[in-house]
């Protein structure tokens, strides 16, 4: 599945109308310090200076303030939205 195919899908916490707005390959370039996050799917610690996926979420009831989730890779995105594999 292409990353763009996840747009409009509901994440696990999407019961309130939250949907995926965008999924992109991402890196945080910061030479002064290392930025970290936790994968929303598997809980792995991520160094955001290395390749990971950034998922922007939007709520149908809100018009601003997009929320973000970080995921390891395409496999984690597929599992996170309930797909069995990223085909």
N, C-alpha and C. Protein backbone atom coordinates (compact mmCIF):
# COMPACT_ATOMS: atom_id res chain seq x y z
N UNK A 1 0.84 -1.17 0.00
CA UNK A 1 0.00 0.00 0.00
C UNK A 1 0.89 1.25 0.00
N UNK A 2 0.61 2.21 -0.84
CA UNK A 2 1.36 3.46 -0.86
C UNK A 2 0.98 4.29 0.36
N UNK A 3 1.89 5.13 0.84
CA UNK A 3 1.61 5.95 2.01
C UNK A 3 0.37 6.81 1.82
N UNK A 4 0.17 7.32 0.62
CA UNK A 4 -1.00 8.16 0.33
C UNK A 4 -2.31 7.40 0.49
N UNK A 5 -2.27 6.08 0.37
CA UNK A 5 -3.48 5.27 0.51
C UNK A 5 -4.03 5.25 1.94
N UNK A 6 -3.23 5.67 2.91
CA UNK A 6 -3.69 5.71 4.30
C UNK A 6 -4.48 6.97 4.62
N UNK A 7 -4.43 7.98 3.77
CA UNK A 7 -5.15 9.23 4.00
C UNK A 7 -6.64 8.93 4.10
N UNK A 8 -7.27 9.49 5.13
CA UNK A 8 -8.69 9.28 5.36
C UNK A 8 -9.01 8.10 6.25
N UNK A 9 -8.04 7.24 6.49
CA UNK A 9 -8.25 6.08 7.36
C UNK A 9 -8.29 6.52 8.82
N UNK A 10 -8.93 5.75 9.64
CA UNK A 10 -9.02 6.05 11.07
C UNK A 10 -7.93 5.31 11.83
N UNK A 11 -7.20 6.00 12.67
CA UNK A 11 -6.24 5.33 13.55
C UNK A 11 -6.99 4.65 14.69
N UNK A 12 -6.32 3.84 15.51
CA UNK A 12 -7.01 3.14 16.59
C UNK A 12 -7.81 4.07 17.50
N UNK A 13 -7.30 5.27 17.75
CA UNK A 13 -8.00 6.21 18.64
C UNK A 13 -8.96 7.11 17.86
N UNK A 14 -9.35 6.71 16.66
CA UNK A 14 -10.15 7.54 15.77
C UNK A 14 -11.65 7.52 16.02
N UNK A 15 -12.08 7.09 17.18
CA UNK A 15 -13.51 7.00 17.46
C UNK A 15 -14.21 8.36 17.44
N UNK A 16 -13.47 9.43 17.71
CA UNK A 16 -14.08 10.75 17.75
C UNK A 16 -14.09 11.44 16.38
N UNK A 17 -13.88 10.69 15.34
CA UNK A 17 -13.86 11.28 14.00
C UNK A 17 -12.46 11.65 13.52
N UNK A 18 -11.43 11.28 14.28
CA UNK A 18 -10.06 11.56 13.87
C UNK A 18 -9.70 10.70 12.67
N UNK A 19 -9.06 11.30 11.70
CA UNK A 19 -8.65 10.61 10.48
C UNK A 19 -7.21 10.98 10.14
N UNK A 20 -6.57 10.13 9.35
CA UNK A 20 -5.22 10.40 8.88
C UNK A 20 -5.29 11.45 7.78
N UNK A 21 -4.54 12.53 7.97
CA UNK A 21 -4.49 13.62 7.00
C UNK A 21 -3.33 13.44 6.02
N UNK A 22 -2.20 12.89 6.54
CA UNK A 22 -1.01 12.74 5.70
C UNK A 22 -0.04 11.76 6.35
N UNK A 23 0.65 10.98 5.52
CA UNK A 23 1.72 10.09 5.99
C UNK A 23 2.94 10.37 5.12
N UNK A 24 4.06 10.70 5.75
CA UNK A 24 5.28 11.01 4.99
C UNK A 24 6.50 10.38 5.66
N UNK A 25 7.49 10.06 4.84
CA UNK A 25 8.80 9.69 5.37
C UNK A 25 9.39 10.96 5.96
N UNK A 26 10.05 10.84 7.10
CA UNK A 26 10.43 12.04 7.84
C UNK A 26 11.76 11.84 8.55
N UNK A 27 12.47 12.93 8.72
CA UNK A 27 13.69 13.00 9.55
C UNK A 27 13.74 14.37 10.18
N UNK A 28 14.16 14.45 11.43
CA UNK A 28 14.34 15.73 12.10
C UNK A 28 15.83 16.01 12.10
N UNK A 29 16.21 17.08 11.45
CA UNK A 29 17.62 17.44 11.36
C UNK A 29 17.95 18.43 12.47
N UNK A 30 18.64 17.96 13.50
CA UNK A 30 19.03 18.79 14.62
C UNK A 30 20.43 18.38 15.04
N UNK A 31 21.40 19.23 14.75
CA UNK A 31 22.79 18.90 15.05
C UNK A 31 23.14 19.09 16.52
N UNK A 32 22.33 19.83 17.26
CA UNK A 32 22.65 20.13 18.65
C UNK A 32 22.19 19.07 19.63
N UNK A 33 21.09 18.40 19.33
CA UNK A 33 20.60 17.37 20.24
C UNK A 33 19.79 16.34 19.47
N UNK A 34 19.64 15.18 20.07
CA UNK A 34 18.87 14.11 19.43
C UNK A 34 17.43 14.17 19.92
N UNK A 35 16.50 14.20 18.99
CA UNK A 35 15.08 14.20 19.31
C UNK A 35 14.57 12.77 19.21
N UNK A 36 13.77 12.37 20.19
CA UNK A 36 13.25 11.01 20.21
C UNK A 36 11.74 11.00 20.35
N UNK A 37 11.14 9.89 20.00
CA UNK A 37 9.70 9.67 20.16
C UNK A 37 9.48 8.17 20.27
N UNK A 38 8.26 7.79 20.52
CA UNK A 38 7.89 6.38 20.63
C UNK A 38 6.94 6.03 19.49
N UNK A 39 7.17 4.90 18.85
CA UNK A 39 6.30 4.45 17.77
C UNK A 39 4.89 4.24 18.31
N UNK A 40 3.90 4.84 17.63
CA UNK A 40 2.50 4.74 18.06
C UNK A 40 1.96 3.32 17.95
N UNK A 41 2.61 2.48 17.15
CA UNK A 41 2.13 1.12 16.97
C UNK A 41 2.82 0.13 17.91
N UNK A 42 4.13 0.04 17.82
CA UNK A 42 4.84 -1.03 18.54
C UNK A 42 5.55 -0.57 19.81
N UNK A 43 5.62 0.75 20.04
CA UNK A 43 6.26 1.25 21.25
C UNK A 43 7.77 1.35 21.20
N UNK A 44 8.37 1.07 20.05
CA UNK A 44 9.83 1.17 19.91
C UNK A 44 10.26 2.63 20.04
N UNK A 45 11.37 2.85 20.71
CA UNK A 45 11.95 4.19 20.80
C UNK A 45 12.56 4.57 19.46
N UNK A 46 12.21 5.74 18.96
CA UNK A 46 12.72 6.20 17.67
C UNK A 46 13.64 7.39 17.84
N UNK A 47 14.75 7.38 17.12
CA UNK A 47 15.58 8.55 16.98
C UNK A 47 15.03 9.30 15.76
N UNK A 48 14.48 10.48 15.97
CA UNK A 48 13.84 11.18 14.87
C UNK A 48 14.83 11.73 13.85
N UNK A 49 16.11 11.62 14.13
CA UNK A 49 17.13 11.97 13.15
C UNK A 49 17.32 10.89 12.10
N UNK A 50 16.79 9.70 12.37
CA UNK A 50 16.82 8.60 11.42
C UNK A 50 15.46 8.48 10.75
N UNK A 51 15.41 7.82 9.59
CA UNK A 51 14.15 7.72 8.85
C UNK A 51 13.07 7.05 9.68
N UNK A 52 11.90 7.65 9.67
CA UNK A 52 10.71 7.12 10.30
C UNK A 52 9.52 7.69 9.52
N UNK A 53 8.32 7.37 9.92
CA UNK A 53 7.14 7.93 9.26
C UNK A 53 6.42 8.87 10.21
N UNK A 54 5.99 9.98 9.66
CA UNK A 54 5.22 10.97 10.41
C UNK A 54 3.79 10.91 9.90
N UNK A 55 2.85 10.69 10.81
CA UNK A 55 1.43 10.65 10.47
C UNK A 55 0.78 11.88 11.09
N UNK A 56 0.16 12.69 10.24
CA UNK A 56 -0.60 13.84 10.73
C UNK A 56 -2.06 13.45 10.80
N UNK A 57 -2.67 13.75 11.95
CA UNK A 57 -4.08 13.42 12.17
C UNK A 57 -4.90 14.70 12.23
N UNK A 58 -6.12 14.61 11.78
CA UNK A 58 -7.05 15.73 11.88
C UNK A 58 -8.39 15.20 12.36
N UNK A 59 -9.04 15.98 13.19
CA UNK A 59 -10.36 15.62 13.69
C UNK A 59 -11.41 16.30 12.82
N UNK A 60 -12.43 15.59 12.49
CA UNK A 60 -13.51 16.18 11.68
C UNK A 60 -14.19 17.33 12.42
N UNK A 61 -14.15 17.33 13.74
CA UNK A 61 -14.79 18.38 14.51
C UNK A 61 -13.89 19.60 14.71
N UNK A 62 -12.60 19.46 14.48
CA UNK A 62 -11.67 20.58 14.66
C UNK A 62 -11.13 21.02 13.30
N UNK A 63 -10.89 22.31 13.17
CA UNK A 63 -10.38 22.83 11.91
C UNK A 63 -8.90 23.20 12.00
N UNK A 64 -8.30 23.09 13.17
CA UNK A 64 -6.90 23.46 13.33
C UNK A 64 -6.21 22.45 14.24
N UNK A 65 -4.93 22.72 14.51
CA UNK A 65 -4.14 21.91 15.43
C UNK A 65 -4.11 20.44 15.07
N UNK A 66 -3.42 20.14 14.00
CA UNK A 66 -3.23 18.75 13.61
C UNK A 66 -2.37 18.05 14.65
N UNK A 67 -2.70 16.81 14.94
CA UNK A 67 -1.95 16.00 15.88
C UNK A 67 -0.97 15.16 15.07
N UNK A 68 0.11 14.72 15.69
CA UNK A 68 1.13 13.92 15.01
C UNK A 68 1.37 12.62 15.75
N UNK A 69 1.69 11.59 14.95
CA UNK A 69 2.14 10.31 15.50
C UNK A 69 3.37 9.90 14.70
N UNK A 70 4.31 9.29 15.38
CA UNK A 70 5.52 8.80 14.74
C UNK A 70 5.45 7.28 14.71
N UNK A 71 5.82 6.71 13.57
CA UNK A 71 5.82 5.25 13.42
C UNK A 71 7.14 4.81 12.79
N UNK A 72 7.54 3.57 13.08
CA UNK A 72 8.82 3.04 12.60
C UNK A 72 8.91 3.02 11.08
N UNK A 73 7.90 2.40 10.45
CA UNK A 73 7.98 2.16 9.01
C UNK A 73 6.60 1.80 8.48
N UNK A 74 6.56 1.39 7.22
CA UNK A 74 5.31 1.05 6.56
C UNK A 74 4.57 -0.11 7.24
N UNK A 75 5.32 -1.07 7.74
CA UNK A 75 4.71 -2.20 8.42
C UNK A 75 3.95 -1.73 9.66
N UNK A 76 4.54 -0.83 10.43
CA UNK A 76 3.86 -0.32 11.62
C UNK A 76 2.62 0.49 11.26
N UNK A 77 2.66 1.27 10.19
CA UNK A 77 1.47 2.03 9.78
C UNK A 77 0.35 1.06 9.41
N UNK A 78 0.67 0.04 8.65
CA UNK A 78 -0.34 -0.94 8.23
C UNK A 78 -0.96 -1.62 9.44
N UNK A 79 -0.15 -2.05 10.38
CA UNK A 79 -0.67 -2.70 11.59
C UNK A 79 -1.50 -1.72 12.41
N UNK A 80 -1.06 -0.48 12.50
CA UNK A 80 -1.71 0.54 13.30
C UNK A 80 -3.14 0.82 12.83
N UNK A 81 -3.37 0.79 11.51
CA UNK A 81 -4.70 1.04 10.98
C UNK A 81 -5.50 -0.25 10.76
N UNK A 82 -4.93 -1.39 11.14
CA UNK A 82 -5.66 -2.64 11.08
C UNK A 82 -5.44 -3.47 9.83
N UNK A 83 -4.44 -3.13 9.03
CA UNK A 83 -4.10 -3.95 7.87
C UNK A 83 -3.20 -5.08 8.33
N UNK A 84 -3.21 -6.19 7.63
CA UNK A 84 -2.35 -7.31 8.03
C UNK A 84 -0.94 -7.19 7.49
N UNK A 85 -0.79 -6.52 6.33
CA UNK A 85 0.54 -6.32 5.76
C UNK A 85 0.50 -5.14 4.81
N UNK A 86 1.63 -4.43 4.63
CA UNK A 86 1.69 -3.26 3.76
C UNK A 86 1.83 -3.63 2.29
N UNK A 87 0.84 -4.22 1.68
CA UNK A 87 0.92 -4.67 0.27
C UNK A 87 0.55 -3.58 -0.69
